[in-house]
C-alpha atoms as a PDB file:
ATOM      1  CA  MET A   1     104.592  94.394  91.883  1.00  0.00           C
ATOM      2  CA  THR A   2     102.260  93.616  94.673  1.00  0.00           C
ATOM      3  CA  LEU A   3     101.635  96.082  97.451  1.00  0.00           C
ATOM      4  CA  GLN A   4     103.437  93.922 100.090  1.00  0.00           C
ATOM      5  CA  GLU A   5     106.501  94.077  97.767  1.00  0.00           C
ATOM      6  CA  ARG A   6     106.235  97.766  97.282  1.00  0.00           C
ATOM      7  CA  GLN A   7     106.055  98.312 100.896  1.00  0.00           C
ATOM      8  CA  THR A   8     109.057  96.203 101.416  1.00  0.00           C
ATOM      9  CA  GLU A   9     110.876  98.338  98.702  1.00  0.00           C
ATOM     10  CA  LEU A  10     109.781 101.589 100.539  1.00  0.00           C
ATOM     11  CA  ILE A  11     111.160 100.240 103.897  1.00  0.00           C
ATOM     12  CA  GLU A  12     114.486  99.288 102.249  1.00  0.00           C
ATOM     13  CA  ASP A  13     114.741 102.601 100.646  1.00  0.00           C
ATOM     14  CA  LEU A  14     114.008 104.607 103.886  1.00  0.00           C
ATOM     15  CA  ASN A  15     116.270 102.639 105.842  1.00  0.00           C
ATOM     16  CA  LEU A  16     119.199 103.678 103.626  1.00  0.00           C
ATOM     17  CA  ILE A  17     118.888 107.002 105.513  1.00  0.00           C
ATOM     18  CA  ASP A  18     120.747 106.653 108.721  1.00  0.00           C
ATOM     19  CA  THR A  19     118.626 107.805 111.558  1.00  0.00           C
ATOM     20  CA  PRO A  20     114.548 107.914 112.108  1.00  0.00           C
ATOM     21  CA  HIS A  21     114.589 111.775 112.257  1.00  0.00           C
ATOM     22  CA  GLU A  22     116.414 111.952 108.949  1.00  0.00           C
ATOM     23  CA  ARG A  23     113.955 109.646 107.532  1.00  0.00           C
ATOM     24  CA  LEU A  24     111.119 111.761 108.788  1.00  0.00           C
ATOM     25  CA  GLY A  25     112.632 114.930 107.181  1.00  0.00           C
ATOM     26  CA  ALA A  26     112.900 112.712 103.915  1.00  0.00           C
ATOM     27  CA  LEU A  27     109.256 112.044 103.736  1.00  0.00           C
ATOM     28  CA  THR A  28     108.654 115.544 102.209  1.00  0.00           C
ATOM     29  CA  SER A  29     109.889 114.250  98.852  1.00  0.00           C
ATOM     30  CA  TYR A  30     106.739 112.289  98.775  1.00  0.00           C
ATOM     31  CA  VAL A  31     104.143 115.123  98.998  1.00  0.00           C
ATOM     32  CA  HIS A  32     104.426 116.464  95.660  1.00  0.00           C
ATOM     33  CA  ARG A  33     103.688 113.119  94.425  1.00  0.00           C
ATOM     34  CA  VAL A  34     100.254 112.698  95.798  1.00  0.00           C
ATOM     35  CA  LEU A  35      99.395 116.413  96.590  1.00  0.00           C
ATOM     36  CA  LEU A  36      95.600 117.301  96.646  1.00  0.00           C
ATOM     37  CA  PRO A  37      95.201 120.850  95.265  1.00  0.00           C
ATOM     38  CA  GLU A  38      93.949 123.451  97.578  1.00  0.00           C
ATOM     39  CA  ALA A  39      90.854 123.906  95.852  1.00  0.00           C
ATOM     40  CA  GLU A  40      89.955 120.326  96.244  1.00  0.00           C
ATOM     41  CA  ARG A  41      90.337 120.099  99.752  1.00  0.00           C
ATOM     42  CA  LEU A  42      86.794 119.755 100.769  1.00  0.00           C
ATOM     43  CA  ASP A  43      85.488 119.385 104.288  1.00  0.00           C
ATOM     44  CA  ALA A  44      83.949 116.069 103.261  1.00  0.00           C
ATOM     45  CA  LEU A  45      87.527 114.815 102.334  1.00  0.00           C
ATOM     46  CA  LEU A  46      88.758 115.808 106.149  1.00  0.00           C
ATOM     47  CA  VAL A  47      89.943 112.671 108.030  1.00  0.00           C
ATOM     48  CA  PRO A  48      88.291 112.674 111.522  1.00  0.00           C
ATOM     49  CA  GLY A  49      90.874 111.717 114.492  1.00  0.00           C
ATOM     50  CA  CYS A  50      93.719 113.696 113.272  1.00  0.00           C
ATOM     51  CA  VAL A  51      94.979 116.630 115.151  1.00  0.00           C
ATOM     52  CA  SER A  52      96.042 118.409 112.103  1.00  0.00           C
ATOM     53  CA  ARG A  53      93.542 118.951 109.324  1.00  0.00           C
ATOM     54  CA  VAL A  54      94.326 116.026 106.667  1.00  0.00           C
ATOM     55  CA  TRP A  55      92.539 115.546 103.432  1.00  0.00           C
ATOM     56  CA  VAL A  56      92.204 112.383 101.577  1.00  0.00           C
ATOM     57  CA  HIS A  57      90.857 111.583  98.091  1.00  0.00           C
ATOM     58  CA  GLY A  58      90.747 108.273  96.326  1.00  0.00           C
ATOM     59  CA  ALA A  59      89.844 107.490  92.873  1.00  0.00           C
ATOM     60  CA  LEU A  60      89.796 104.328  91.000  1.00  0.00           C
ATOM     61  CA  VAL A  61      91.599 104.300  87.655  1.00  0.00           C
ATOM     62  CA  MET A  62      91.512 101.167  85.289  1.00  0.00           C
ATOM     63  CA  GLY A  63      91.009  99.062  88.635  1.00  0.00           C
ATOM     64  CA  ARG A  64      93.942 100.614  90.433  1.00  0.00           C
ATOM     65  CA  ALA A  65      93.937 103.097  93.361  1.00  0.00           C
ATOM     66  CA  GLN A  66      94.947 106.718  92.895  1.00  0.00           C
ATOM     67  CA  PHE A  67      95.137 108.713  96.398  1.00  0.00           C
ATOM     68  CA  ARG A  68      95.915 112.344  96.726  1.00  0.00           C
ATOM     69  CA  CYS A  69      96.244 113.901 100.372  1.00  0.00           C
ATOM     70  CA  ALA A  70      97.191 117.080 101.950  1.00  0.00           C
ATOM     71  CA  ALA A  71      97.737 118.375 105.638  1.00  0.00           C
ATOM     72  CA  ASP A  72      98.126 121.502 107.323  1.00  0.00           C
ATOM     73  CA  SER A  73     101.427 120.622 108.980  1.00  0.00           C
ATOM     74  CA  PRO A  74     104.581 119.829 107.033  1.00  0.00           C
ATOM     75  CA  MET A  75     105.564 116.749 108.989  1.00  0.00           C
ATOM     76  CA  VAL A  76     101.937 115.315 108.900  1.00  0.00           C
ATOM     77  CA  ALA A  77     101.975 115.839 105.172  1.00  0.00           C
ATOM     78  CA  GLY A  78     104.989 113.884 104.446  1.00  0.00           C
ATOM     79  CA  LEU A  79     103.609 111.015 106.720  1.00  0.00           C
ATOM     80  CA  VAL A  80     100.154 111.019 105.063  1.00  0.00           C
ATOM     81  CA  ALA A  81     101.885 111.451 101.761  1.00  0.00           C
ATOM     82  CA  LEU A  82     103.995 108.312 102.206  1.00  0.00           C
ATOM     83  CA  LEU A  83     100.867 106.296 103.059  1.00  0.00           C
ATOM     84  CA  CYS A  84      99.103 107.631  99.862  1.00  0.00           C
ATOM     85  CA  HIS A  85     102.008 106.731  97.842  1.00  0.00           C
ATOM     86  CA  LEU A  86     102.211 103.267  99.185  1.00  0.00           C
ATOM     87  CA  TYR A  87      98.601 102.504  98.497  1.00  0.00           C
ATOM     88  CA  SER A  88      98.284 104.203  95.177  1.00  0.00           C
ATOM     89  CA  GLN A  89      98.418 101.732  92.086  1.00  0.00           C
ATOM     90  CA  ALA A  90      97.468  98.907  94.522  1.00  0.00           C
ATOM     91  CA  LEU A  91      94.236  96.960  94.105  1.00  0.00           C
ATOM     92  CA  PRO A  92      91.344  97.642  96.441  1.00  0.00           C
ATOM     93  CA  THR A  93      91.548  94.119  97.837  1.00  0.00           C
ATOM     94  CA  GLU A  94      95.122  94.574  98.650  1.00  0.00           C
ATOM     95  CA  ILE A  95      94.482  97.799 100.252  1.00  0.00           C
ATOM     96  CA  ALA A  96      91.932  96.491 102.471  1.00  0.00           C
ATOM     97  CA  MET A  97      94.181  93.623 103.533  1.00  0.00           C
ATOM     98  CA  VAL A  98      97.856  94.849 103.678  1.00  0.00           C
ATOM     99  CA  GLU A  99      98.607  97.053 106.923  1.00  0.00           C
ATOM    100  CA  PRO A 100     101.414  99.557 106.883  1.00  0.00           C
ATOM    101  CA  ASP A 101     104.203  98.132 108.810  1.00  0.00           C
ATOM    102  CA  LEU A 102     106.771 100.816 107.673  1.00  0.00           C
ATOM    103  CA  TRP A 103     106.367 102.734 110.932  1.00  0.00           C
ATOM    104  CA  GLU A 104     107.867 100.231 112.870  1.00  0.00           C
ATOM    105  CA  LYS A 105     110.431  98.820 110.300  1.00  0.00           C
ATOM    106  CA  CYS A 106     111.741 102.028 109.905  1.00  0.00           C
ATOM    107  CA  GLY A 107     112.057 103.118 113.420  1.00  0.00           C
ATOM    108  CA  LEU A 108     109.544 105.860 113.285  1.00  0.00           C
ATOM    109  CA  VAL A 109     107.364 104.656 116.235  1.00  0.00           C
ATOM    110  CA  LYS A 110     110.183 105.681 118.411  1.00  0.00           C
ATOM    111  CA  VAL A 111     110.039 109.426 117.084  1.00  0.00           C
ATOM    112  CA  LEU A 112     106.230 109.777 116.530  1.00  0.00           C
ATOM    113  CA  SER A 113     103.892 110.833 119.504  1.00  0.00           C
ATOM    114  CA  PRO A 114     100.993 108.693 120.309  1.00  0.00           C
ATOM    115  CA  THR A 115      98.893 111.528 118.980  1.00  0.00           C
ATOM    116  CA  ARG A 116     100.522 111.206 115.473  1.00  0.00           C
ATOM    117  CA  LEU A 117     100.506 107.505 115.351  1.00  0.00           C
ATOM    118  CA  ASN A 118      96.707 107.541 116.186  1.00  0.00           C
ATOM    119  CA  GLY A 119      96.105 110.110 113.184  1.00  0.00           C
ATOM    120  CA  LEU A 120      98.277 107.848 110.868  1.00  0.00           C
ATOM    121  CA  ALA A 121      95.730 104.905 112.133  1.00  0.00           C
ATOM    122  CA  ALA A 122      92.810 107.005 111.135  1.00  0.00           C
ATOM    123  CA  VAL A 123      94.270 107.881 107.667  1.00  0.00           C
ATOM    124  CA  ARG A 124      94.942 104.249 107.264  1.00  0.00           C
ATOM    125  CA  GLN A 125      91.190 103.486 108.200  1.00  0.00           C
ATOM    126  CA  ARG A 126      90.176 105.967 105.547  1.00  0.00           C
ATOM    127  CA  LEU A 127      92.086 104.374 102.944  1.00  0.00           C
ATOM    128  CA  ARG A 128      90.884 101.011 103.810  1.00  0.00           C
ATOM    129  CA  ALA A 129      87.165 102.267 103.848  1.00  0.00           C
ATOM    130  CA  ILE A 130      87.522 104.014 100.343  1.00  0.00           C
ATOM    131  CA  ALA A 131      88.966 100.713  99.065  1.00  0.00           C
ATOM    132  CA  GLU A 132      86.125  98.631 100.539  1.00  0.00           C
ATOM    133  CA  THR A 133      83.583 100.879  98.832  1.00  0.00           C
ATOM    134  CA  TRP A 134      85.227 100.131  95.751  1.00  0.00           C
ATOM    135  CA  GLN A 135      85.016  96.353  96.287  1.00  0.00           C
ATOM    136  CA  VAL A 136      81.216  96.655  97.286  1.00  0.00           C
ATOM    137  CA  SER A 137      80.594  98.624  93.967  1.00  0.00           C
ATOM    138  CA  GLY A 138      82.495  96.406  91.958  1.00  0.00           C
ATOM    139  CA  GLY A 139      84.623  99.470  91.171  1.00  0.00           C
END
């Protein structure tokens, strides 16, 4: 399954939930799938540009991305976990090219503050930067 197909599937699944506010609540189910353990939450993994503290770690396993993350706010943790879940198992070239459009297509831009959206853009930039280092290193 391509990254774009995976995103379409996630959007369809989330849109089964009635309202954007309920969809936000459902994002907590993604946290345990990509949780970065507290002992691994190093300052070097903090994402600049986020009001909440957000940590993102990426590894390349057999040519595919494996992202783990954490945040000190439960809502932010769910949002970031959804991004890490979306991009995990993708190829680095896909990660660099495919932008997340699930915020718009799930109606979440209507319920998220500009500050939260800017923070999510910073997390997206971090995921892209990690993927680009894998491409450069031939990872």
